[in-house]
Amino acid sequence: MSEPVLTEEQVREALRVVEDPEIGFSIVDLGLVRDVHIGSDGARVRVLMTLTSPFCPEAPRILEDVRAVVAALPGVAAAAVDLVWSPPWDPRTDASEEIQAELGIW
């Protein structure tokens, strides 16, 4: 019997440990993770994400943290992270309700 293939939810849950260092919230709760593509064998994972700003000075660190977390998941042989800018990040629609409340967004 083969092991179950990694799911998008498992990847997103693992990524909750990665925070945007400028504002101190999880990239998942901020809504920065746009999509997760998992190869049919579960060994290849590509994360599509955005940042709070195209000028984010912490971008290299965040991207490497995401790649490292995904690469450490059981069964993952290759992890990639791609930035997407369209649509731009909007905390009013992308962030969780808890984050919106913390940021004072109504």
PDB file of N, CA and C in Angstrom:
ATOM      1  N   MET A   1       0.842  -1.174   0.000  1.00  0.00           N
ATOM      2  CA  MET A   1       0.000   0.000   0.000  1.00  0.00           C
ATOM      3  C   MET A   1       0.895   1.248   0.000  1.00  0.00           C
ATOM      4  N   SER A   2       0.620   2.189  -0.890  1.00  0.00           N
ATOM      5  CA  SER A   2       1.454   3.384  -0.984  1.00  0.00           C
ATOM      6  C   SER A   2       1.027   4.429   0.042  1.00  0.00           C
ATOM      7  N   GLU A   3       1.988   5.295   0.384  1.00  0.00           N
ATOM      8  CA  GLU A   3       1.696   6.365   1.329  1.00  0.00           C
ATOM      9  C   GLU A   3       0.809   7.408   0.660  1.00  0.00           C
ATOM     10  N   PRO A   4      -0.012   8.097   1.440  1.00  0.00           N
ATOM     11  CA  PRO A   4      -0.859   9.127   0.846  1.00  0.00           C
ATOM     12  C   PRO A   4      -0.014  10.280   0.310  1.00  0.00           C
ATOM     13  N   VAL A   5      -0.474  10.860  -0.783  1.00  0.00           N
ATOM     14  CA  VAL A   5       0.216  11.984  -1.393  1.00  0.00           C
ATOM     15  C   VAL A   5      -0.064  13.239  -0.570  1.00  0.00           C
ATOM     16  N   LEU A   6       0.912  14.087  -0.498  1.00  0.00           N
ATOM     17  CA  LEU A   6       0.801  15.361   0.197  1.00  0.00           C
ATOM     18  C   LEU A   6      -0.380  16.162  -0.342  1.00  0.00           C
ATOM     19  N   THR A   7      -1.078  16.876   0.536  1.00  0.00           N
ATOM     20  CA  THR A   7      -2.218  17.688   0.106  1.00  0.00           C
ATOM     21  C   THR A   7      -1.882  19.177   0.205  1.00  0.00           C
ATOM     22  N   GLU A   8      -2.652  19.985  -0.504  1.00  0.00           N
ATOM     23  CA  GLU A   8      -2.476  21.434  -0.439  1.00  0.00           C
ATOM     24  C   GLU A   8      -2.679  21.931   0.987  1.00  0.00           C
ATOM     25  N   GLU A   9      -3.654  21.387   1.677  1.00  0.00           N
ATOM     26  CA  GLU A   9      -3.918  21.803   3.059  1.00  0.00           C
ATOM     27  C   GLU A   9      -2.717  21.516   3.957  1.00  0.00           C
ATOM     28  N   GLN A  10      -2.060  20.380   3.762  1.00  0.00           N
ATOM     29  CA  GLN A  10      -0.874  20.062   4.561  1.00  0.00           C
ATOM     30  C   GLN A  10       0.253  21.061   4.297  1.00  0.00           C
ATOM     31  N   VAL A  11       0.416  21.445   3.044  1.00  0.00           N
ATOM     32  CA  VAL A  11       1.449  22.426   2.699  1.00  0.00           C
ATOM     33  C   VAL A  11       1.115  23.769   3.341  1.00  0.00           C
ATOM     34  N   ARG A  12      -0.134  24.203   3.189  1.00  0.00           N
ATOM     35  CA  ARG A  12      -0.539  25.493   3.775  1.00  0.00           C
ATOM     36  C   ARG A  12      -0.374  25.475   5.303  1.00  0.00           C
ATOM     37  N   GLU A  13      -0.726  24.378   5.929  1.00  0.00           N
ATOM     38  CA  GLU A  13      -0.589  24.280   7.387  1.00  0.00           C
ATOM     39  C   GLU A  13       0.882  24.383   7.787  1.00  0.00           C
ATOM     40  N   ALA A  14       1.753  23.716   7.055  1.00  0.00           N
ATOM     41  CA  ALA A  14       3.187  23.790   7.349  1.00  0.00           C
ATOM     42  C   ALA A  14       3.714  25.214   7.175  1.00  0.00           C
ATOM     43  N   LEU A  15       3.171  25.936   6.200  1.00  0.00           N
ATOM     44  CA  LEU A  15       3.639  27.298   5.914  1.00  0.00           C
ATOM     45  C   LEU A  15       3.175  28.324   6.945  1.00  0.00           C
ATOM     46  N   ARG A  16       2.302  27.932   7.856  1.00  0.00           N
ATOM     47  CA  ARG A  16       1.851  28.870   8.896  1.00  0.00           C
ATOM     48  C   ARG A  16       3.007  29.354   9.777  1.00  0.00           C
ATOM     49  N   VAL A  17       4.099  28.605   9.824  1.00  0.00           N
ATOM     50  CA  VAL A  17       5.241  29.022  10.647  1.00  0.00           C
ATOM     51  C   VAL A  17       6.036  30.159  10.007  1.00  0.00           C
ATOM     52  N   VAL A  18       5.837  30.387   8.715  1.00  0.00           N
ATOM     53  CA  VAL A  18       6.566  31.456   8.024  1.00  0.00           C
ATOM     54  C   VAL A  18       5.811  32.765   8.229  1.00  0.00           C
ATOM     55  N   GLU A  19       6.507  33.739   8.789  1.00  0.00           N
ATOM     56  CA  GLU A  19       5.884  35.037   9.047  1.00  0.00           C
ATOM     57  C   GLU A  19       6.494  36.114   8.167  1.00  0.00           C
ATOM     58  N   ASP A  20       5.692  37.122   7.872  1.00  0.00           N
ATOM     59  CA  ASP A  20       6.215  38.331   7.254  1.00  0.00           C
ATOM     60  C   ASP A  20       6.941  39.064   8.383  1.00  0.00           C
ATOM     61  N   PRO A  21       8.264  39.178   8.324  1.00  0.00           N
ATOM     62  CA  PRO A  21       9.001  39.739   9.450  1.00  0.00           C
ATOM     63  C   PRO A  21       8.709  41.212   9.726  1.00  0.00           C
ATOM     64  N   GLU A  22       8.201  41.923   8.749  1.00  0.00           N
ATOM     65  CA  GLU A  22       7.910  43.343   8.967  1.00  0.00           C
ATOM     66  C   GLU A  22       6.655  43.554   9.804  1.00  0.00           C
ATOM     67  N   ILE A  23       5.670  42.646   9.659  1.00  0.00           N
ATOM     68  CA  ILE A  23       4.430  42.838  10.416  1.00  0.00           C
ATOM     69  C   ILE A  23       4.126  41.697  11.380  1.00  0.00           C
ATOM     70  N   GLY A  24       4.911  40.623  11.320  1.00  0.00           N
ATOM     71  CA  GLY A  24       4.827  39.581  12.331  1.00  0.00           C
ATOM     72  C   GLY A  24       3.636  38.649  12.262  1.00  0.00           C
ATOM     73  N   PHE A  25       3.043  38.501  11.089  1.00  0.00           N
ATOM     74  CA  PHE A  25       1.919  37.581  10.929  1.00  0.00           C
ATOM     75  C   PHE A  25       2.269  36.500   9.915  1.00  0.00           C
ATOM     76  N   SER A  26       1.632  35.352  10.045  1.00  0.00           N
ATOM     77  CA  SER A  26       1.828  34.228   9.140  1.00  0.00           C
ATOM     78  C   SER A  26       1.475  34.619   7.705  1.00  0.00           C
ATOM     79  N   ILE A  27       2.300  34.168   6.764  1.00  0.00           N
ATOM     80  CA  ILE A  27       2.015  34.455   5.354  1.00  0.00           C
ATOM     81  C   ILE A  27       0.718  33.797   4.903  1.00  0.00           C
ATOM     82  N   VAL A  28       0.344  32.703   5.549  1.00  0.00           N
ATOM     83  CA  VAL A  28      -0.918  32.035   5.210  1.00  0.00           C
ATOM     84  C   VAL A  28      -2.091  32.891   5.678  1.00  0.00           C
ATOM     85  N   ASP A  29      -2.041  33.359   6.919  1.00  0.00           N
ATOM     86  CA  ASP A  29      -3.127  34.187   7.449  1.00  0.00           C
ATOM     87  C   ASP A  29      -3.216  35.539   6.751  1.00  0.00           C
ATOM     88  N   LEU A  30      -2.083  36.034   6.276  1.00  0.00           N
ATOM     89  CA  LEU A  30      -2.090  37.287   5.519  1.00  0.00           C
ATOM     90  C   LEU A  30      -2.679  37.110   4.120  1.00  0.00           C
ATOM     91  N   GLY A  31      -2.795  35.862   3.677  1.00  0.00           N
ATOM     92  CA  GLY A  31      -3.321  35.607   2.341  1.00  0.00           C
ATOM     93  C   GLY A  31      -2.274  35.771   1.255  1.00  0.00           C
ATOM     94  N   LEU A  32      -1.006  35.623   1.610  1.00  0.00           N
ATOM     95  CA  LEU A  32       0.064  35.778   0.629  1.00  0.00           C
ATOM     96  C   LEU A  32       0.272  34.526  -0.215  1.00  0.00           C
ATOM     97  N   VAL A  33      -0.140  33.371   0.292  1.00  0.00           N
ATOM     98  CA  VAL A  33      -0.021  32.126  -0.476  1.00  0.00           C
ATOM     99  C   VAL A  33      -1.218  32.054  -1.412  1.00  0.00           C
ATOM    100  N   ARG A  34      -0.958  32.201  -2.698  1.00  0.00           N
ATOM    101  CA  ARG A  34      -2.036  32.224  -3.691  1.00  0.00           C
ATOM    102  C   ARG A  34      -2.470  30.824  -4.118  1.00  0.00           C
ATOM    103  N   ASP A  35      -1.493  29.942  -4.330  1.00  0.00           N
ATOM    104  CA  ASP A  35      -1.829  28.603  -4.821  1.00  0.00           C
ATOM    105  C   ASP A  35      -0.686  27.650  -4.495  1.00  0.00           C
ATOM    106  N   VAL A  36      -1.009  26.379  -4.448  1.00  0.00           N
ATOM    107  CA  VAL A  36      -0.019  25.331  -4.220  1.00  0.00           C
ATOM    108  C   VAL A  36      -0.248  24.257  -5.274  1.00  0.00           C
ATOM    109  N   HIS A  37       0.804  23.954  -6.028  1.00  0.00           N
ATOM    110  CA  HIS A  37       0.732  22.891  -7.033  1.00  0.00           C
ATOM    111  C   HIS A  37       1.590  21.728  -6.551  1.00  0.00           C
ATOM    112  N   ILE A  38       0.996  20.550  -6.531  1.00  0.00           N
ATOM    113  CA  ILE A  38       1.693  19.354  -6.072  1.00  0.00           C
ATOM    114  C   ILE A  38       1.707  18.347  -7.207  1.00  0.00           C
ATOM    115  N   GLY A  39       2.900  17.836  -7.530  1.00  0.00           N
ATOM    116  CA  GLY A  39       3.016  16.813  -8.561  1.00  0.00           C
ATOM    117  C   GLY A  39       2.232  15.574  -8.174  1.00  0.00           C
ATOM    118  N   SER A  40       1.874  14.785  -9.154  1.00  0.00           N
ATOM    119  CA  SER A  40       1.029  13.614  -8.903  1.00  0.00           C
ATOM    120  C   SER A  40       1.650  12.629  -7.917  1.00  0.00           C
ATOM    121  N   ASP A  41       2.978  12.626  -7.828  1.00  0.00           N
ATOM    122  CA  ASP A  41       3.637  11.723  -6.882  1.00  0.00           C
ATOM    123  C   ASP A  41       3.876  12.375  -5.521  1.00  0.00           C
ATOM    124  N   GLY A  42       3.543  13.668  -5.400  1.00  0.00           N
ATOM    125  CA  GLY A  42       3.730  14.383  -4.144  1.00  0.00           C
ATOM    126  C   GLY A  42       5.157  14.823  -3.883  1.00  0.00           C
ATOM    127  N   ALA A  43       6.065  14.513  -4.799  1.00  0.00           N
ATOM    128  CA  ALA A  43       7.479  14.824  -4.582  1.00  0.00           C
ATOM    129  C   ALA A  43       7.875  16.215  -5.064  1.00  0.00           C
ATOM    130  N   ARG A  44       7.064  16.813  -5.926  1.00  0.00           N
ATOM    131  CA  ARG A  44       7.359  18.148  -6.452  1.00  0.00           C
ATOM    132  C   ARG A  44       6.264  19.107  -6.012  1.00  0.00           C
ATOM    133  N   VAL A  45       6.666  20.196  -5.375  1.00  0.00           N
ATOM    134  CA  VAL A  45       5.702  21.177  -4.880  1.00  0.00           C
ATOM    135  C   VAL A  45       6.133  22.568  -5.342  1.00  0.00           C
ATOM    136  N   ARG A  46       5.185  23.310  -5.892  1.00  0.00           N
ATOM    137  CA  ARG A  46       5.421  24.698  -6.304  1.00  0.00           C
ATOM    138  C   ARG A  46       4.405  25.574  -5.588  1.00  0.00           C
ATOM    139  N   VAL A  47       4.907  26.584  -4.896  1.00  0.00           N
ATOM    140  CA  VAL A  47       4.059  27.535  -4.182  1.00  0.00           C
ATOM    141  C   VAL A  47       4.037  28.839  -4.969  1.00  0.00           C
ATOM    142  N   LEU A  48       2.840  29.313  -5.261  1.00  0.00           N
ATOM    143  CA  LEU A  48       2.669  30.622  -5.881  1.00  0.00           C
ATOM    144  C   LEU A  48       2.246  31.573  -4.776  1.00  0.00           C
ATOM    145  N   MET A  49       2.994  32.657  -4.632  1.00  0.00           N
ATOM    146  CA  MET A  49       2.680  33.588  -3.554  1.00  0.00           C
ATOM    147  C   MET A  49       2.962  35.017  -3.987  1.00  0.00           C
ATOM    148  N   THR A  50       2.457  35.931  -3.201  1.00  0.00           N
ATOM    149  CA  THR A  50       2.728  37.341  -3.410  1.00  0.00           C
ATOM    150  C   THR A  50       3.324  37.889  -2.123  1.00  0.00           C
ATOM    151  N   LEU A  51       3.619  39.164  -2.128  1.00  0.00           N
ATOM    152  CA  LEU A  51       4.126  39.834  -0.939  1.00  0.00           C
ATOM    153  C   LEU A  51       3.257  41.049  -0.662  1.00  0.00           C
ATOM    154  N   THR A  52       3.407  41.623   0.516  1.00  0.00           N
ATOM    155  CA  THR A  52       2.593  42.788   0.850  1.00  0.00           C
ATOM    156  C   THR A  52       2.959  43.984  -0.013  1.00  0.00           C
ATOM    157  N   SER A  53       4.169  43.972  -0.571  1.00  0.00           N
ATOM    158  CA  SER A  53       4.631  45.047  -1.448  1.00  0.00           C
ATOM    159  C   SER A  53       5.682  44.498  -2.401  1.00  0.00           C
ATOM    160  N   PRO A  54       5.692  44.969  -3.655  1.00  0.00           N
ATOM    161  CA  PRO A  54       6.752  44.544  -4.569  1.00  0.00           C
ATOM    162  C   PRO A  54       8.137  45.012  -4.108  1.00  0.00           C
ATOM    163  N   PHE A  55       8.169  45.943  -3.183  1.00  0.00           N
ATOM    164  CA  PHE A  55       9.429  46.499  -2.698  1.00  0.00           C
ATOM    165  C   PHE A  55       9.819  45.935  -1.330  1.00  0.00           C
ATOM    166  N   CYS A  56       9.221  44.831  -0.955  1.00  0.00           N
ATOM    167  CA  CYS A  56       9.469  44.220   0.353  1.00  0.00           C
ATOM    168  C   CYS A  56      10.964  43.908   0.517  1.00  0.00           C
ATOM    169  N   PRO A  57      11.630  44.531   1.497  1.00  0.00           N
ATOM    170  CA  PRO A  57      13.054  44.282   1.676  1.00  0.00           C
ATOM    171  C   PRO A  57      13.361  42.877   2.208  1.00  0.00           C
ATOM    172  N   GLU A  58      12.354  42.205   2.741  1.00  0.00           N
ATOM    173  CA  GLU A  58      12.543  40.868   3.302  1.00  0.00           C
ATOM    174  C   GLU A  58      12.185  39.754   2.315  1.00  0.00           C
ATOM    175  N   ALA A  59      11.924  40.107   1.063  1.00  0.00           N
ATOM    176  CA  ALA A  59      11.493  39.118   0.067  1.00  0.00           C
ATOM    177  C   ALA A  59      12.423  37.911  -0.023  1.00  0.00           C
ATOM    178  N   PRO A  60      13.738  38.090  -0.169  1.00  0.00           N
ATOM    179  CA  PRO A  60      14.600  36.903  -0.275  1.00  0.00           C
ATOM    180  C   PRO A  60      14.477  35.971   0.925  1.00  0.00           C
ATOM    181  N   ARG A  61      14.403  36.540   2.111  1.00  0.00           N
ATOM    182  CA  ARG A  61      14.284  35.730   3.328  1.00  0.00           C
ATOM    183  C   ARG A  61      12.963  34.966   3.351  1.00  0.00           C
ATOM    184  N   ILE A  62      11.868  35.641   3.032  1.00  0.00           N
ATOM    185  CA  ILE A  62      10.556  34.988   3.041  1.00  0.00           C
ATOM    186  C   ILE A  62      10.524  33.851   2.031  1.00  0.00           C
ATOM    187  N   LEU A  63      11.001  34.112   0.818  1.00  0.00           N
ATOM    188  CA  LEU A  63      10.984  33.083  -0.226  1.00  0.00           C
ATOM    189  C   LEU A  63      11.823  31.877   0.172  1.00  0.00           C
ATOM    190  N   GLU A  64      12.988  32.107   0.754  1.00  0.00           N
ATOM    191  CA  GLU A  64      13.831  30.995   1.180  1.00  0.00           C
ATOM    192  C   GLU A  64      13.186  30.237   2.332  1.00  0.00           C
ATOM    193  N   ASP A  65      12.552  30.935   3.258  1.00  0.00           N
ATOM    194  CA  ASP A  65      11.850  30.259   4.354  1.00  0.00           C
ATOM    195  C   ASP A  65      10.737  29.361   3.815  1.00  0.00           C
ATOM    196  N   VAL A  66       9.968  29.862   2.850  1.00  0.00           N
ATOM    197  CA  VAL A  66       8.887  29.068   2.248  1.00  0.00           C
ATOM    198  C   VAL A  66       9.468  27.832   1.573  1.00  0.00           C
ATOM    199  N   ARG A  67      10.516  28.032   0.769  1.00  0.00           N
ATOM    200  CA  ARG A  67      11.121  26.909   0.068  1.00  0.00           C
ATOM    201  C   ARG A  67      11.638  25.869   1.062  1.00  0.00           C
ATOM    202  N   ALA A  68      12.294  26.317   2.123  1.00  0.00           N
ATOM    203  CA  ALA A  68      12.864  25.394   3.105  1.00  0.00           C
ATOM    204  C   ALA A  68      11.784  24.609   3.847  1.00  0.00           C
ATOM    205  N   VAL A  69      10.706  25.274   4.226  1.00  0.00           N
ATOM    206  CA  VAL A  69       9.612  24.586   4.931  1.00  0.00           C
ATOM    207  C   VAL A  69       9.000  23.514   4.032  1.00  0.00           C
ATOM    208  N   VAL A  70       8.743  23.860   2.783  1.00  0.00           N
ATOM    209  CA  VAL A  70       8.137  22.894   1.858  1.00  0.00           C
ATOM    210  C   VAL A  70       9.105  21.752   1.579  1.00  0.00           C
ATOM    211  N   ALA A  71      10.376  22.058   1.370  1.00  0.00           N
ATOM    212  CA  ALA A  71      11.368  21.019   1.076  1.00  0.00           C
ATOM    213  C   ALA A  71      11.517  20.031   2.230  1.00  0.00           C
ATOM    214  N   ALA A  72      11.236  20.474   3.447  1.00  0.00           N
ATOM    215  CA  ALA A  72      11.373  19.605   4.621  1.00  0.00           C
ATOM    216  C   ALA A  72      10.174  18.684   4.840  1.00  0.00           C
ATOM    217  N   LEU A  73       9.105  18.876   4.083  1.00  0.00           N
ATOM    218  CA  LEU A  73       7.928  18.021   4.245  1.00  0.00           C
ATOM    219  C   LEU A  73       8.240  16.603   3.776  1.00  0.00           C
ATOM    220  N   PRO A  74       7.678  15.600   4.440  1.00  0.00           N
ATOM    221  CA  PRO A  74       7.941  14.209   4.065  1.00  0.00           C
ATOM    222  C   PRO A  74       7.582  13.935   2.607  1.00  0.00           C
ATOM    223  N   GLY A  75       8.511  13.317   1.911  1.00  0.00           N
ATOM    224  CA  GLY A  75       8.271  12.916   0.532  1.00  0.00           C
ATOM    225  C   GLY A  75       8.563  13.978  -0.509  1.00  0.00           C
ATOM    226  N   VAL A  76       8.849  15.201  -0.089  1.00  0.00           N
ATOM    227  CA  VAL A  76       9.114  16.270  -1.057  1.00  0.00           C
ATOM    228  C   VAL A  76      10.578  16.212  -1.486  1.00  0.00           C
ATOM    229  N   ALA A  77      10.785  16.088  -2.797  1.00  0.00           N
ATOM    230  CA  ALA A  77      12.133  16.049  -3.357  1.00  0.00           C
ATOM    231  C   ALA A  77      12.525  17.377  -3.987  1.00  0.00           C
ATOM    232  N   ALA A  78      11.536  18.158  -4.421  1.00  0.00           N
ATOM    233  CA  ALA A  78      11.814  19.443  -5.067  1.00  0.00           C
ATOM    234  C   ALA A  78      10.755  20.451  -4.655  1.00  0.00           C
ATOM    235  N   ALA A  79      11.218  21.606  -4.189  1.00  0.00           N
ATOM    236  CA  ALA A  79      10.305  22.673  -3.776  1.00  0.00           C
ATOM    237  C   ALA A  79      10.683  23.951  -4.510  1.00  0.00           C
ATOM    238  N   ALA A  80       9.681  24.630  -5.050  1.00  0.00           N
ATOM    239  CA  ALA A  80       9.909  25.886  -5.761  1.00  0.00           C
ATOM    240  C   ALA A  80       8.897  26.916  -5.285  1.00  0.00           C
ATOM    241  N   VAL A  81       9.307  28.174  -5.340  1.00  0.00           N
ATOM    242  CA  VAL A  81       8.431  29.277  -4.953  1.00  0.00           C
ATOM    243  C   VAL A  81       8.469  30.310  -6.067  1.00  0.00           C
ATOM    244  N   ASP A  82       7.300  30.688  -6.544  1.00  0.00           N
ATOM    245  CA  ASP A  82       7.196  31.721  -7.573  1.00  0.00           C
ATOM    246  C   ASP A  82       6.382  32.879  -7.040  1.00  0.00           C
ATOM    247  N   LEU A  83       6.854  34.093  -7.315  1.00  0.00           N
ATOM    248  CA  LEU A  83       6.103  35.289  -6.948  1.00  0.00           C
ATOM    249  C   LEU A  83       5.132  35.652  -8.052  1.00  0.00           C
ATOM    250  N   VAL A  84       3.936  36.032  -7.659  1.00  0.00           N
ATOM    251  CA  VAL A  84       2.931  36.540  -8.599  1.00  0.00           C
ATOM    252  C   VAL A  84       2.470  37.894  -8.072  1.00  0.00           C
ATOM    253  N   TRP A  85       2.230  38.818  -8.964  1.00  0.00           N
ATOM    254  CA  TRP A  85       1.861  40.178  -8.557  1.00  0.00           C
ATOM    255  C   TRP A  85       0.456  40.569  -8.958  1.00  0.00           C
ATOM    256  N   SER A  86      -0.216  39.707  -9.677  1.00  0.00           N
ATOM    257  CA  SER A  86      -1.571  40.027 -10.118  1.00  0.00           C
ATOM    258  C   SER A  86      -2.508  38.924  -9.638  1.00  0.00           C
ATOM    259  N   PRO A  87      -3.525  39.294  -8.897  1.00  0.00           N
ATOM    260  CA  PRO A  87      -3.845  40.638  -8.425  1.00  0.00           C
ATOM    261  C   PRO A  87      -2.921  41.032  -7.278  1.00  0.00           C
ATOM    262  N   PRO A  88      -2.737  42.348  -7.081  1.00  0.00           N
ATOM    263  CA  PRO A  88      -1.910  42.782  -5.959  1.00  0.00           C
ATOM    264  C   PRO A  88      -2.553  42.408  -4.627  1.00  0.00           C
ATOM    265  N   TRP A  89      -1.721  42.217  -3.625  1.00  0.00           N
ATOM    266  CA  TRP A  89      -2.217  41.872  -2.293  1.00  0.00           C
ATOM    267  C   TRP A  89      -3.072  43.000  -1.745  1.00  0.00           C
ATOM    268  N   ASP A  90      -4.214  42.629  -1.184  1.00  0.00           N
ATOM    269  CA  ASP A  90      -5.128  43.587  -0.569  1.00  0.00           C
ATOM    270  C   ASP A  90      -5.592  42.983   0.752  1.00  0.00           C
ATOM    271  N   PRO A  91      -5.179  43.544   1.879  1.00  0.00           N
ATOM    272  CA  PRO A  91      -5.540  42.945   3.168  1.00  0.00           C
ATOM    273  C   PRO A  91      -7.042  42.912   3.417  1.00  0.00           C
ATOM    274  N   ARG A  92      -7.794  43.773   2.737  1.00  0.00           N
ATOM    275  CA  ARG A  92      -9.252  43.799   2.938  1.00  0.00           C
ATOM    276  C   ARG A  92      -9.925  42.552   2.375  1.00  0.00           C
ATOM    277  N   THR A  93      -9.288  41.928   1.386  1.00  0.00           N
ATOM    278  CA  THR A  93      -9.890  40.742   0.780  1.00  0.00           C
ATOM    279  C   THR A  93      -9.047  39.482   0.950  1.00  0.00           C
ATOM    280  N   ASP A  94      -7.748  39.640   1.163  1.00  0.00           N
ATOM    281  CA  ASP A  94      -6.857  38.482   1.210  1.00  0.00           C
ATOM    282  C   ASP A  94      -6.566  37.977   2.619  1.00  0.00           C
ATOM    283  N   ALA A  95      -6.464  38.876   3.574  1.00  0.00           N
ATOM    284  CA  ALA A  95      -6.101  38.484   4.942  1.00  0.00           C
ATOM    285  C   ALA A  95      -7.295  37.857   5.663  1.00  0.00           C
ATOM    286  N   SER A  96      -6.983  36.994   6.624  1.00  0.00           N
ATOM    287  CA  SER A  96      -8.043  36.382   7.432  1.00  0.00           C
ATOM    288  C   SER A  96      -8.737  37.458   8.261  1.00  0.00           C
ATOM    289  N   GLU A  97      -9.929  37.145   8.753  1.00  0.00           N
ATOM    290  CA  GLU A  97     -10.670  38.098   9.585  1.00  0.00           C
ATOM    291  C   GLU A  97      -9.883  38.476  10.835  1.00  0.00           C
ATOM    292  N   GLU A  98      -9.166  37.517  11.401  1.00  0.00           N
ATOM    293  CA  GLU A  98      -8.370  37.797  12.595  1.00  0.00           C
ATOM    294  C   GLU A  98      -7.275  38.812  12.292  1.00  0.00           C
ATOM    295  N   ILE A  99      -6.625  38.652  11.162  1.00  0.00           N
ATOM    296  CA  ILE A  99      -5.562  39.587  10.773  1.00  0.00           C
ATOM    297  C   ILE A  99      -6.156  40.950  10.461  1.00  0.00           C
ATOM    298  N   GLN A 100      -7.285  40.968   9.781  1.00  0.00           N
ATOM    299  CA  GLN A 100      -7.934  42.246   9.481  1.00  0.00           C
ATOM    300  C   GLN A 100      -8.248  42.999  10.772  1.00  0.00           C
ATOM    301  N   ALA A 101      -8.732  42.279  11.776  1.00  0.00           N
ATOM    302  CA  ALA A 101      -9.032  42.914  13.062  1.00  0.00           C
ATOM    303  C   ALA A 101      -7.755  43.437  13.720  1.00  0.00           C
ATOM    304  N   GLU A 102      -6.686  42.649  13.673  1.00  0.00           N
ATOM    305  CA  GLU A 102      -5.407  43.073  14.251  1.00  0.00           C
ATOM    306  C   GLU A 102      -4.863  44.320  13.557  1.00  0.00           C
ATOM    307  N   LEU A 103      -5.077  44.394  12.238  1.00  0.00           N
ATOM    308  CA  LEU A 103      -4.575  45.529  11.463  1.00  0.00           C
ATOM    309  C   LEU A 103      -5.533  46.717  11.488  1.00  0.00           C
ATOM    310  N   GLY A 104      -6.700  46.537  12.106  1.00  0.00           N
ATOM    311  CA  GLY A 104      -7.676  47.621  12.180  1.00  0.00           C
ATOM    312  C   GLY A 104      -8.429  47.853  10.888  1.00  0.00           C
ATOM    313  N   ILE A 105      -8.601  46.790  10.099  1.00  0.00           N
ATOM    314  CA  ILE A 105      -9.319  46.887   8.827  1.00  0.00           C
ATOM    315  C   ILE A 105     -10.754  46.432   9.048  1.00  0.00           C
ATOM    316  N   TRP A 106     -11.688  47.243   8.646  1.00  0.00           N
ATOM    317  CA  TRP A 106     -13.108  46.911   8.857  1.00  0.00           C
ATOM    318  C   TRP A 106     -13.766  46.568   7.563  1.00  0.00           C
TER     319      TRP A 106
END
